[in-house]
Amino acid sequence: MSTPVRERHDRLAVQPGRVRRPVRWPRLVVVGALALVWVFPLYWMVVTALSARADLATGRVGLVPTSVDLGGFRRALVDLPVLQWVVNSAAIAVVAVVLTVVVDVLAGYVLAKHRFPGRTVVFFCIVATLMVPVQTLLVPQFDLVNDLGWINSYWAVIVPRSAEAFGVFLARQYFLSLPDELLEAAQLDGAGQLRALWSVVLPLARPLVAVLVVMTFMWRWNEFAWPLVALRAPELYTLPVGLSFLQSQYTTDYPALMAGALVSALPVLVLFALAQRQFVAGLARSGLR
């Protein structure tokens, strides 16, 4: 056996079962370039938030800040009730996530695993609502909430959007990928519908729940149009609504605005980082059927 062949044989013998994969440089270059494209807006927000208003007015802001000015964070966090707006957004988002995930999971489970007349028609009607622009629902939704006496309250923002057509669609597609034999075995063991859902289906649906939690939290946290219509008192404003008042007709405090935007983006980034693996698995599993 020649020396190069012997050395290669020795390396494989030292590391059994380990296959050395070639590095795919074109793929790494493309992924790196796309990552820079997505990360650059966040980096520019940080640079703008740490810049002085005078530097922005004179155009002396570059990719690398020459000086650090925390005045934007001070004006956003001290001079304005940004922390109160964060609490409002968090309260609305958390309660909305719980309600929406429960409704979407139950609706998707029924549409996927139960046979009843008109099931397909009901499903297509739900999916058809995705084509209705949200702006067309503002007036009738406002009239309904006003009749209930919920204007200028958290419930005005939470309840009207407690069910999402896309979430129902995603849940149904995920549950269709689960074999019916699991439910039949649970029923043979004496489990009812709710017990089978809780003990058999939901443990297998963790990726789906992660997807619904991340997407619902992101939608509610960043929602602007409906909270702007339903909330009147500044102390009840959500963070996107409150930050909009940093922009005026003639001047805009961009460092304070970007500082508030960073505060707004941080919870979504943290939640996605924590649930990234389950989020990707849930999206992949929901597309099997």
C-alpha atoms as a PDB file:
ATOM      1  CA  MET A   1       0.000   0.000   0.000  1.00  0.00           C
ATOM      2  CA  SER A   2       1.459   3.355  -1.037  1.00  0.00           C
ATOM      3  CA  THR A   3       2.047   6.120   1.496  1.00  0.00           C
ATOM      4  CA  PRO A   4      -0.823   8.529   0.454  1.00  0.00           C
ATOM      5  CA  VAL A   5      -3.313   5.657   0.375  1.00  0.00           C
ATOM      6  CA  ARG A   6      -2.085   4.397   3.772  1.00  0.00           C
ATOM      7  CA  GLU A   7      -2.426   7.885   5.326  1.00  0.00           C
ATOM      8  CA  ARG A   8      -5.948   8.237   4.021  1.00  0.00           C
ATOM      9  CA  HIS A   9      -6.806   4.765   5.310  1.00  0.00           C
ATOM     10  CA  ASP A  10      -5.417   5.659   8.737  1.00  0.00           C
ATOM     11  CA  ARG A  11      -7.500   8.854   8.930  1.00  0.00           C
ATOM     12  CA  LEU A  12     -10.681   6.970   8.079  1.00  0.00           C
ATOM     13  CA  ALA A  13      -9.803   4.302  10.603  1.00  0.00           C
ATOM     14  CA  VAL A  14      -9.347   6.892  13.347  1.00  0.00           C
ATOM     15  CA  GLN A  15     -12.718   8.522  12.574  1.00  0.00           C
ATOM     16  CA  PRO A  16     -15.117   5.691  11.646  1.00  0.00           C
ATOM     17  CA  GLY A  17     -18.484   6.670  10.227  1.00  0.00           C
ATOM     18  CA  ARG A  18     -17.449  10.249   9.564  1.00  0.00           C
ATOM     19  CA  VAL A  19     -17.648  11.375   5.952  1.00  0.00           C
ATOM     20  CA  ARG A  20     -15.798  14.504   4.966  1.00  0.00           C
ATOM     21  CA  ARG A  21     -18.024  16.681   2.843  1.00  0.00           C
ATOM     22  CA  PRO A  22     -16.543  19.082   0.335  1.00  0.00           C
ATOM     23  CA  VAL A  23     -16.976  22.778   1.065  1.00  0.00           C
ATOM     24  CA  ARG A  24     -19.412  24.327  -1.395  1.00  0.00           C
ATOM     25  CA  TRP A  25     -17.954  27.782  -1.791  1.00  0.00           C
ATOM     26  CA  PRO A  26     -20.520  29.112  -4.326  1.00  0.00           C
ATOM     27  CA  ARG A  27     -23.345  28.312  -1.924  1.00  0.00           C
ATOM     28  CA  LEU A  28     -21.497  29.913   0.984  1.00  0.00           C
ATOM     29  CA  VAL A  29     -20.867  33.053  -1.067  1.00  0.00           C
ATOM     30  CA  VAL A  30     -24.535  33.332  -2.083  1.00  0.00           C
ATOM     31  CA  VAL A  31     -25.787  32.719   1.463  1.00  0.00           C
ATOM     32  CA  GLY A  32     -23.291  35.222   2.849  1.00  0.00           C
ATOM     33  CA  ALA A  33     -24.344  37.857   0.318  1.00  0.00           C
ATOM     34  CA  LEU A  34     -28.032  37.336   1.136  1.00  0.00           C
ATOM     35  CA  ALA A  35     -27.264  37.535   4.857  1.00  0.00           C
ATOM     36  CA  LEU A  36     -25.525  40.881   4.339  1.00  0.00           C
ATOM     37  CA  VAL A  37     -28.525  42.182   2.389  1.00  0.00           C
ATOM     38  CA  TRP A  38     -30.898  41.256   5.230  1.00  0.00           C
ATOM     39  CA  VAL A  39     -28.635  42.395   8.069  1.00  0.00           C
ATOM     40  CA  PHE A  40     -27.634  45.745   6.550  1.00  0.00           C
ATOM     41  CA  PRO A  41     -30.958  47.549   7.304  1.00  0.00           C
ATOM     42  CA  LEU A  42     -30.656  46.508  10.954  1.00  0.00           C
ATOM     43  CA  TYR A  43     -27.052  47.712  11.028  1.00  0.00           C
ATOM     44  CA  TRP A  44     -28.059  51.035   9.473  1.00  0.00           C
ATOM     45  CA  MET A  45     -30.753  51.443  12.129  1.00  0.00           C
ATOM     46  CA  VAL A  46     -28.084  51.026  14.814  1.00  0.00           C
ATOM     47  CA  VAL A  47     -25.791  53.558  13.111  1.00  0.00           C
ATOM     48  CA  THR A  48     -28.613  56.089  12.775  1.00  0.00           C
ATOM     49  CA  ALA A  49     -29.749  55.604  16.386  1.00  0.00           C
ATOM     50  CA  LEU A  50     -26.197  56.243  17.626  1.00  0.00           C
ATOM     51  CA  SER A  51     -25.700  59.349  15.465  1.00  0.00           C
ATOM     52  CA  ALA A  52     -26.296  62.957  16.433  1.00  0.00           C
ATOM     53  CA  ARG A  53     -29.127  64.920  14.854  1.00  0.00           C
ATOM     54  CA  ALA A  54     -26.651  67.539  13.639  1.00  0.00           C
ATOM     55  CA  ASP A  55     -24.617  64.899  11.788  1.00  0.00           C
ATOM     56  CA  LEU A  56     -27.743  63.574  10.085  1.00  0.00           C
ATOM     57  CA  ALA A  57     -28.794  67.085   9.068  1.00  0.00           C
ATOM     58  CA  THR A  58     -25.413  67.781   7.466  1.00  0.00           C
ATOM     59  CA  GLY A  59     -25.058  64.316   5.917  1.00  0.00           C
ATOM     60  CA  ARG A  60     -21.893  63.426   7.846  1.00  0.00           C
ATOM     61  CA  VAL A  61     -23.060  59.913   8.738  1.00  0.00           C
ATOM     62  CA  GLY A  62     -21.147  57.022   7.187  1.00  0.00           C
ATOM     63  CA  LEU A  63     -21.190  53.266   7.451  1.00  0.00           C
ATOM     64  CA  VAL A  64     -18.919  53.508  10.475  1.00  0.00           C
ATOM     65  CA  PRO A  65     -19.998  56.201  12.981  1.00  0.00           C
ATOM     66  CA  THR A  66     -17.199  58.585  13.931  1.00  0.00           C
ATOM     67  CA  SER A  67     -18.828  59.372  17.285  1.00  0.00           C
ATOM     68  CA  VAL A  68     -21.474  57.817  19.486  1.00  0.00           C
ATOM     69  CA  ASP A  69     -24.417  59.914  20.645  1.00  0.00           C
ATOM     70  CA  LEU A  70     -26.973  58.294  22.957  1.00  0.00           C
ATOM     71  CA  GLY A  71     -29.318  61.262  22.725  1.00  0.00           C
ATOM     72  CA  GLY A  72     -31.680  59.352  20.444  1.00  0.00           C
ATOM     73  CA  PHE A  73     -32.145  56.592  23.015  1.00  0.00           C
ATOM     74  CA  ARG A  74     -32.594  59.172  25.787  1.00  0.00           C
ATOM     75  CA  ARG A  75     -35.271  61.062  23.878  1.00  0.00           C
ATOM     76  CA  ALA A  76     -37.054  57.819  22.956  1.00  0.00           C
ATOM     77  CA  LEU A  77     -36.911  56.091  26.339  1.00  0.00           C
ATOM     78  CA  VAL A  78     -37.052  59.061  28.718  1.00  0.00           C
ATOM     79  CA  ASP A  79     -38.801  61.950  26.997  1.00  0.00           C
ATOM     80  CA  LEU A  80     -41.441  59.697  25.415  1.00  0.00           C
ATOM     81  CA  PRO A  81     -43.491  56.897  27.065  1.00  0.00           C
ATOM     82  CA  VAL A  82     -41.865  54.231  24.888  1.00  0.00           C
ATOM     83  CA  LEU A  83     -41.628  51.770  27.769  1.00  0.00           C
ATOM     84  CA  GLN A  84     -45.381  52.114  28.384  1.00  0.00           C
ATOM     85  CA  TRP A  85     -45.998  51.500  24.697  1.00  0.00           C
ATOM     86  CA  VAL A  86     -43.796  48.401  24.905  1.00  0.00           C
ATOM     87  CA  VAL A  87     -45.870  47.101  27.824  1.00  0.00           C
ATOM     88  CA  ASN A  88     -49.093  47.751  25.879  1.00  0.00           C
ATOM     89  CA  SER A  89     -47.776  45.962  22.788  1.00  0.00           C
ATOM     90  CA  ALA A  90     -46.513  43.026  24.865  1.00  0.00           C
ATOM     91  CA  ALA A  91     -49.822  42.610  26.709  1.00  0.00           C
ATOM     92  CA  ILE A  92     -51.841  42.728  23.494  1.00  0.00           C
ATOM     93  CA  ALA A  93     -49.457  40.418  21.635  1.00  0.00           C
ATOM     94  CA  VAL A  94     -49.254  37.762  24.375  1.00  0.00           C
ATOM     95  CA  VAL A  95     -53.021  37.525  24.927  1.00  0.00           C
ATOM     96  CA  ALA A  96     -53.647  37.574  21.174  1.00  0.00           C
ATOM     97  CA  VAL A  97     -51.098  34.799  20.634  1.00  0.00           C
ATOM     98  CA  VAL A  98     -52.841  32.541  23.169  1.00  0.00           C
ATOM     99  CA  LEU A  99     -56.315  33.122  21.723  1.00  0.00           C
ATOM    100  CA  THR A 100     -55.240  32.901  18.090  1.00  0.00           C
ATOM    101  CA  VAL A 101     -53.168  29.744  18.492  1.00  0.00           C
ATOM    102  CA  VAL A 102     -55.992  27.969  20.344  1.00  0.00           C
ATOM    103  CA  VAL A 103     -58.595  28.948  17.732  1.00  0.00           C
ATOM    104  CA  ASP A 104     -56.365  28.138  14.751  1.00  0.00           C
ATOM    105  CA  VAL A 105     -55.281  24.761  16.127  1.00  0.00           C
ATOM    106  CA  LEU A 106     -58.838  23.679  16.983  1.00  0.00           C
ATOM    107  CA  ALA A 107     -60.232  24.855  13.633  1.00  0.00           C
ATOM    108  CA  GLY A 108     -57.412  23.260  11.653  1.00  0.00           C
ATOM    109  CA  TYR A 109     -57.767  19.987  13.563  1.00  0.00           C
ATOM    110  CA  VAL A 110     -61.506  19.783  12.927  1.00  0.00           C
ATOM    111  CA  LEU A 111     -61.124  20.587   9.224  1.00  0.00           C
ATOM    112  CA  ALA A 112     -58.356  17.999   8.824  1.00  0.00           C
ATOM    113  CA  LYS A 113     -59.506  15.040  10.930  1.00  0.00           C
ATOM    114  CA  HIS A 114     -63.301  15.230  11.121  1.00  0.00           C
ATOM    115  CA  ARG A 115     -65.741  14.391   8.357  1.00  0.00           C
ATOM    116  CA  PHE A 116     -68.882  16.514   8.166  1.00  0.00           C
ATOM    117  CA  PRO A 117     -71.039  17.876   5.321  1.00  0.00           C
ATOM    118  CA  GLY A 118     -69.689  21.053   3.776  1.00  0.00           C
ATOM    119  CA  ARG A 119     -66.199  20.675   5.241  1.00  0.00           C
ATOM    120  CA  THR A 120     -64.493  21.541   1.958  1.00  0.00           C
ATOM    121  CA  VAL A 121     -66.799  24.508   1.374  1.00  0.00           C
ATOM    122  CA  VAL A 122     -66.072  25.876   4.842  1.00  0.00           C
ATOM    123  CA  PHE A 123     -62.336  25.495   4.281  1.00  0.00           C
ATOM    124  CA  PHE A 124     -62.400  27.287   0.936  1.00  0.00           C
ATOM    125  CA  CYS A 125     -64.505  30.096   2.395  1.00  0.00           C
ATOM    126  CA  ILE A 126     -61.911  30.570   5.123  1.00  0.00           C
ATOM    127  CA  VAL A 127     -59.072  30.605   2.603  1.00  0.00           C
ATOM    128  CA  ALA A 128     -61.010  33.046   0.389  1.00  0.00           C
ATOM    129  CA  THR A 129     -60.945  35.623   3.179  1.00  0.00           C
ATOM    130  CA  LEU A 130     -57.182  35.913   2.632  1.00  0.00           C
ATOM    131  CA  MET A 131     -57.947  37.791  -0.580  1.00  0.00           C
ATOM    132  CA  VAL A 132     -59.984  40.464   1.242  1.00  0.00           C
ATOM    133  CA  PRO A 133     -57.876  43.585   1.950  1.00  0.00           C
ATOM    134  CA  VAL A 134     -57.646  44.421   5.639  1.00  0.00           C
ATOM    135  CA  GLN A 135     -58.473  48.071   4.925  1.00  0.00           C
ATOM    136  CA  THR A 136     -61.961  47.162   3.719  1.00  0.00           C
ATOM    137  CA  LEU A 137     -62.761  45.672   7.137  1.00  0.00           C
ATOM    138  CA  LEU A 138     -61.825  48.710   9.207  1.00  0.00           C
ATOM    139  CA  VAL A 139     -65.230  50.424   9.077  1.00  0.00           C
ATOM    140  CA  PRO A 140     -67.501  47.404   9.818  1.00  0.00           C
ATOM    141  CA  GLN A 141     -65.004  46.178  12.399  1.00  0.00           C
ATOM    142  CA  PHE A 142     -65.013  49.586  14.080  1.00  0.00           C
ATOM    143  CA  ASP A 143     -68.833  49.637  14.151  1.00  0.00           C
ATOM    144  CA  LEU A 144     -68.915  46.186  15.739  1.00  0.00           C
ATOM    145  CA  VAL A 145     -66.331  47.034  18.391  1.00  0.00           C
ATOM    146  CA  ASN A 146     -68.030  50.351  19.087  1.00  0.00           C
ATOM    147  CA  ASP A 147     -71.381  48.626  19.659  1.00  0.00           C
ATOM    148  CA  LEU A 148     -69.664  46.316  22.162  1.00  0.00           C
ATOM    149  CA  GLY A 149     -68.222  49.299  24.013  1.00  0.00           C
ATOM    150  CA  TRP A 150     -64.623  48.183  23.508  1.00  0.00           C
ATOM    151  CA  ILE A 151     -63.249  51.307  21.830  1.00  0.00           C
ATOM    152  CA  ASN A 152     -60.093  52.561  23.539  1.00  0.00           C
ATOM    153  CA  SER A 153     -59.407  49.226  25.261  1.00  0.00           C
ATOM    154  CA  TYR A 154     -57.099  46.283  24.761  1.00  0.00           C
ATOM    155  CA  TRP A 155     -60.003  44.019  23.791  1.00  0.00           C
ATOM    156  CA  ALA A 156     -60.740  46.198  20.779  1.00  0.00           C
ATOM    157  CA  VAL A 157     -57.351  45.219  19.359  1.00  0.00           C
ATOM    158  CA  ILE A 158     -57.230  41.606  20.561  1.00  0.00           C
ATOM    159  CA  VAL A 159     -60.638  40.054  19.888  1.00  0.00           C
ATOM    160  CA  PRO A 160     -61.350  41.027  16.243  1.00  0.00           C
ATOM    161  CA  ARG A 161     -58.153  39.301  15.115  1.00  0.00           C
ATOM    162  CA  SER A 162     -58.348  36.285  17.441  1.00  0.00           C
ATOM    163  CA  ALA A 163     -58.648  33.934  14.431  1.00  0.00           C
ATOM    164  CA  GLU A 164     -56.397  34.028  11.385  1.00  0.00           C
ATOM    165  CA  ALA A 165     -57.349  32.381   8.100  1.00  0.00           C
ATOM    166  CA  PHE A 166     -53.715  31.697   7.280  1.00  0.00           C
ATOM    167  CA  GLY A 167     -53.206  30.071  10.674  1.00  0.00           C
ATOM    168  CA  VAL A 168     -56.234  27.810  10.122  1.00  0.00           C
ATOM    169  CA  PHE A 169     -54.915  26.879   6.686  1.00  0.00           C
ATOM    170  CA  LEU A 170     -51.448  26.120   8.073  1.00  0.00           C
ATOM    171  CA  ALA A 171     -52.861  24.024  10.936  1.00  0.00           C
ATOM    172  CA  ARG A 172     -55.086  22.020   8.608  1.00  0.00           C
ATOM    173  CA  GLN A 173     -52.207  21.244   6.257  1.00  0.00           C
ATOM    174  CA  TYR A 174     -50.038  20.136   9.179  1.00  0.00           C
ATOM    175  CA  PHE A 175     -52.689  17.871  10.695  1.00  0.00           C
ATOM    176  CA  LEU A 176     -53.336  16.268   7.316  1.00  0.00           C
ATOM    177  CA  SER A 177     -49.742  14.982   7.406  1.00  0.00           C
ATOM    178  CA  LEU A 178     -50.414  13.106  10.666  1.00  0.00           C
ATOM    179  CA  PRO A 179     -51.669   9.510  10.164  1.00  0.00           C
ATOM    180  CA  ASP A 180     -55.243   8.767  11.158  1.00  0.00           C
ATOM    181  CA  GLU A 181     -54.077   5.544  12.804  1.00  0.00           C
ATOM    182  CA  LEU A 182     -52.775   7.565  15.761  1.00  0.00           C
ATOM    183  CA  LEU A 183     -56.230   8.907  16.536  1.00  0.00           C
ATOM    184  CA  GLU A 184     -57.833   5.510  15.980  1.00  0.00           C
ATOM    185  CA  ALA A 185     -55.399   3.933  18.434  1.00  0.00           C
ATOM    186  CA  ALA A 186     -56.145   6.644  21.000  1.00  0.00           C
ATOM    187  CA  GLN A 187     -59.878   6.075  20.603  1.00  0.00           C
ATOM    188  CA  LEU A 188     -59.419   2.320  21.048  1.00  0.00           C
ATOM    189  CA  ASP A 189     -57.643   3.080  24.323  1.00  0.00           C
ATOM    190  CA  GLY A 190     -60.707   5.016  25.483  1.00  0.00           C
ATOM    191  CA  ALA A 191     -59.494   8.570  24.836  1.00  0.00           C
ATOM    192  CA  GLY A 192     -62.070  11.142  23.818  1.00  0.00           C
ATOM    193  CA  GLN A 193     -61.617  13.816  21.191  1.00  0.00           C
ATOM    194  CA  LEU A 194     -60.098  16.419  23.500  1.00  0.00           C
ATOM    195  CA  ARG A 195     -57.897  13.853  25.254  1.00  0.00           C
ATOM    196  CA  ALA A 196     -56.598  12.561  21.916  1.00  0.00           C
ATOM    197  CA  LEU A 197     -55.899  16.113  20.777  1.00  0.00           C
ATOM    198  CA  TRP A 198     -54.086  17.006  24.000  1.00  0.00           C
ATOM    199  CA  SER A 199     -52.145  13.782  24.580  1.00  0.00           C
ATOM    200  CA  VAL A 200     -51.474  12.533  21.043  1.00  0.00           C
ATOM    201  CA  VAL A 201     -51.780  15.318  18.486  1.00  0.00           C
ATOM    202  CA  LEU A 202     -50.375  18.359  20.276  1.00  0.00           C
ATOM    203  CA  PRO A 203     -47.075  16.689  21.311  1.00  0.00           C
ATOM    204  CA  LEU A 204     -46.505  15.974  17.621  1.00  0.00           C
ATOM    205  CA  ALA A 205     -47.603  19.479  16.630  1.00  0.00           C
ATOM    206  CA  ARG A 206     -44.934  21.460  18.485  1.00  0.00           C
ATOM    207  CA  PRO A 207     -43.393  22.752  15.225  1.00  0.00           C
ATOM    208  CA  LEU A 208     -46.843  23.953  14.131  1.00  0.00           C
ATOM    209  CA  VAL A 209     -47.426  25.715  17.452  1.00  0.00           C
ATOM    210  CA  ALA A 210     -44.016  27.362  17.161  1.00  0.00           C
ATOM    211  CA  VAL A 211     -44.866  28.683  13.699  1.00  0.00           C
ATOM    212  CA  LEU A 212     -48.220  30.027  14.846  1.00  0.00           C
ATOM    213  CA  VAL A 213     -46.715  31.646  17.941  1.00  0.00           C
ATOM    214  CA  VAL A 214     -43.921  33.389  16.026  1.00  0.00           C
ATOM    215  CA  MET A 215     -46.107  34.585  13.161  1.00  0.00           C
ATOM    216  CA  THR A 216     -48.996  35.719  15.370  1.00  0.00           C
ATOM    217  CA  PHE A 217     -46.677  37.560  17.744  1.00  0.00           C
ATOM    218  CA  MET A 218     -44.987  39.273  14.823  1.00  0.00           C
ATOM    219  CA  TRP A 219     -48.313  40.325  13.294  1.00  0.00           C
ATOM    220  CA  ARG A 220     -49.725  41.673  16.551  1.00  0.00           C
ATOM    221  CA  TRP A 221     -46.502  43.342  17.639  1.00  0.00           C
ATOM    222  CA  ASN A 222     -46.103  45.206  14.330  1.00  0.00           C
ATOM    223  CA  GLU A 223     -49.785  45.932  13.680  1.00  0.00           C
ATOM    224  CA  PHE A 224     -50.411  49.606  13.019  1.00  0.00           C
ATOM    225  CA  ALA A 225     -53.650  50.425  11.166  1.00  0.00           C
ATOM    226  CA  TRP A 226     -56.221  48.806  13.479  1.00  0.00           C
ATOM    227  CA  PRO A 227     -54.668  49.925  16.817  1.00  0.00           C
ATOM    228  CA  LEU A 228     -54.474  53.448  15.391  1.00  0.00           C
ATOM    229  CA  VAL A 229     -58.232  53.355  14.758  1.00  0.00           C
ATOM    230  CA  ALA A 230     -59.326  51.519  17.913  1.00  0.00           C
ATOM    231  CA  LEU A 231     -57.134  53.254  20.520  1.00  0.00           C
ATOM    232  CA  ARG A 232     -57.634  56.902  21.443  1.00  0.00           C
ATOM    233  CA  ALA A 233     -55.666  57.492  24.675  1.00  0.00           C
ATOM    234  CA  PRO A 234     -51.879  57.937  24.220  1.00  0.00           C
ATOM    235  CA  GLU A 235     -51.206  55.816  27.304  1.00  0.00           C
ATOM    236  CA  LEU A 236     -52.863  52.859  25.528  1.00  0.00           C
ATOM    237  CA  TYR A 237     -50.953  53.211  22.261  1.00  0.00           C
ATOM    238  CA  THR A 238     -48.950  50.282  20.983  1.00  0.00           C
ATOM    239  CA  LEU A 239     -45.321  50.805  20.039  1.00  0.00           C
ATOM    240  CA  PRO A 240     -45.833  51.153  16.243  1.00  0.00           C
ATOM    241  CA  VAL A 241     -48.603  53.713  16.795  1.00  0.00           C
ATOM    242  CA  GLY A 242     -46.560  55.673  19.316  1.00  0.00           C
ATOM    243  CA  LEU A 243     -43.446  55.732  17.134  1.00  0.00           C
ATOM    244  CA  SER A 244     -45.427  57.217  14.276  1.00  0.00           C
ATOM    245  CA  PHE A 245     -45.748  60.447  16.283  1.00  0.00           C
ATOM    246  CA  LEU A 246     -41.979  60.917  16.068  1.00  0.00           C
ATOM    247  CA  GLN A 247     -42.524  61.854  12.425  1.00  0.00           C
ATOM    248  CA  SER A 248     -43.952  65.280  11.737  1.00  0.00           C
ATOM    249  CA  GLN A 249     -44.702  67.250   8.591  1.00  0.00           C
ATOM    250  CA  TYR A 250     -41.541  69.330   8.706  1.00  0.00           C
ATOM    251  CA  THR A 251     -39.001  67.542  10.918  1.00  0.00           C
ATOM    252  CA  THR A 252     -38.318  63.982  12.021  1.00  0.00           C
ATOM    253  CA  ASP A 253     -36.125  62.927  14.917  1.00  0.00           C
ATOM    254  CA  TYR A 254     -34.445  60.041  13.103  1.00  0.00           C
ATOM    255  CA  PRO A 255     -32.076  58.972  15.932  1.00  0.00           C
ATOM    256  CA  ALA A 256     -34.996  58.688  18.382  1.00  0.00           C
ATOM    257  CA  LEU A 257     -37.138  57.021  15.723  1.00  0.00           C
ATOM    258  CA  MET A 258     -34.457  54.432  14.954  1.00  0.00           C
ATOM    259  CA  ALA A 259     -33.852  53.862  18.669  1.00  0.00           C
ATOM    260  CA  GLY A 260     -37.546  53.114  19.124  1.00  0.00           C
ATOM    261  CA  ALA A 261     -37.496  50.898  16.030  1.00  0.00           C
ATOM    262  CA  LEU A 262     -34.628  48.887  17.509  1.00  0.00           C
ATOM    263  CA  VAL A 263     -36.616  48.403  20.703  1.00  0.00           C
ATOM    264  CA  SER A 264     -39.554  47.279  18.567  1.00  0.00           C
ATOM    265  CA  ALA A 265     -37.481  44.806  16.532  1.00  0.00           C
ATOM    266  CA  LEU A 266     -35.661  43.219  19.472  1.00  0.00           C
ATOM    267  CA  PRO A 267     -38.512  41.002  20.868  1.00  0.00           C
ATOM    268  CA  VAL A 268     -39.308  39.570  17.433  1.00  0.00           C
ATOM    269  CA  LEU A 269     -35.644  38.773  16.761  1.00  0.00           C
ATOM    270  CA  VAL A 270     -35.254  37.094  20.151  1.00  0.00           C
ATOM    271  CA  LEU A 271     -38.442  35.034  19.727  1.00  0.00           C
ATOM    272  CA  PHE A 272     -37.437  33.875  16.246  1.00  0.00           C
ATOM    273  CA  ALA A 273     -33.931  32.959  17.453  1.00  0.00           C
ATOM    274  CA  LEU A 274     -35.386  30.822  20.245  1.00  0.00           C
ATOM    275  CA  ALA A 275     -37.944  29.067  18.020  1.00  0.00           C
ATOM    276  CA  GLN A 276     -35.966  28.961  14.773  1.00  0.00           C
ATOM    277  CA  ARG A 277     -35.570  25.187  14.526  1.00  0.00           C
ATOM    278  CA  GLN A 278     -39.206  24.439  15.358  1.00  0.00           C
ATOM    279  CA  PHE A 279     -40.330  27.268  13.072  1.00  0.00           C
ATOM    280  CA  VAL A 280     -38.525  25.854  10.030  1.00  0.00           C
ATOM    281  CA  ALA A 281     -39.684  22.309  10.818  1.00  0.00           C
ATOM    282  CA  GLY A 282     -43.297  23.460  11.131  1.00  0.00           C
ATOM    283  CA  LEU A 283     -43.248  25.249   7.779  1.00  0.00           C
ATOM    284  CA  ALA A 284     -41.639  22.254   6.079  1.00  0.00           C
ATOM    285  CA  ARG A 285     -44.122  19.797   7.598  1.00  0.00           C
ATOM    286  CA  SER A 286     -47.127  21.953   6.703  1.00  0.00           C
ATOM    287  CA  GLY A 287     -46.203  21.817   3.031  1.00  0.00           C
ATOM    288  CA  LEU A 288     -46.264  18.023   2.753  1.00  0.00           C
ATOM    289  CA  ARG A 289     -49.861  18.020   1.541  1.00  0.00           C
END
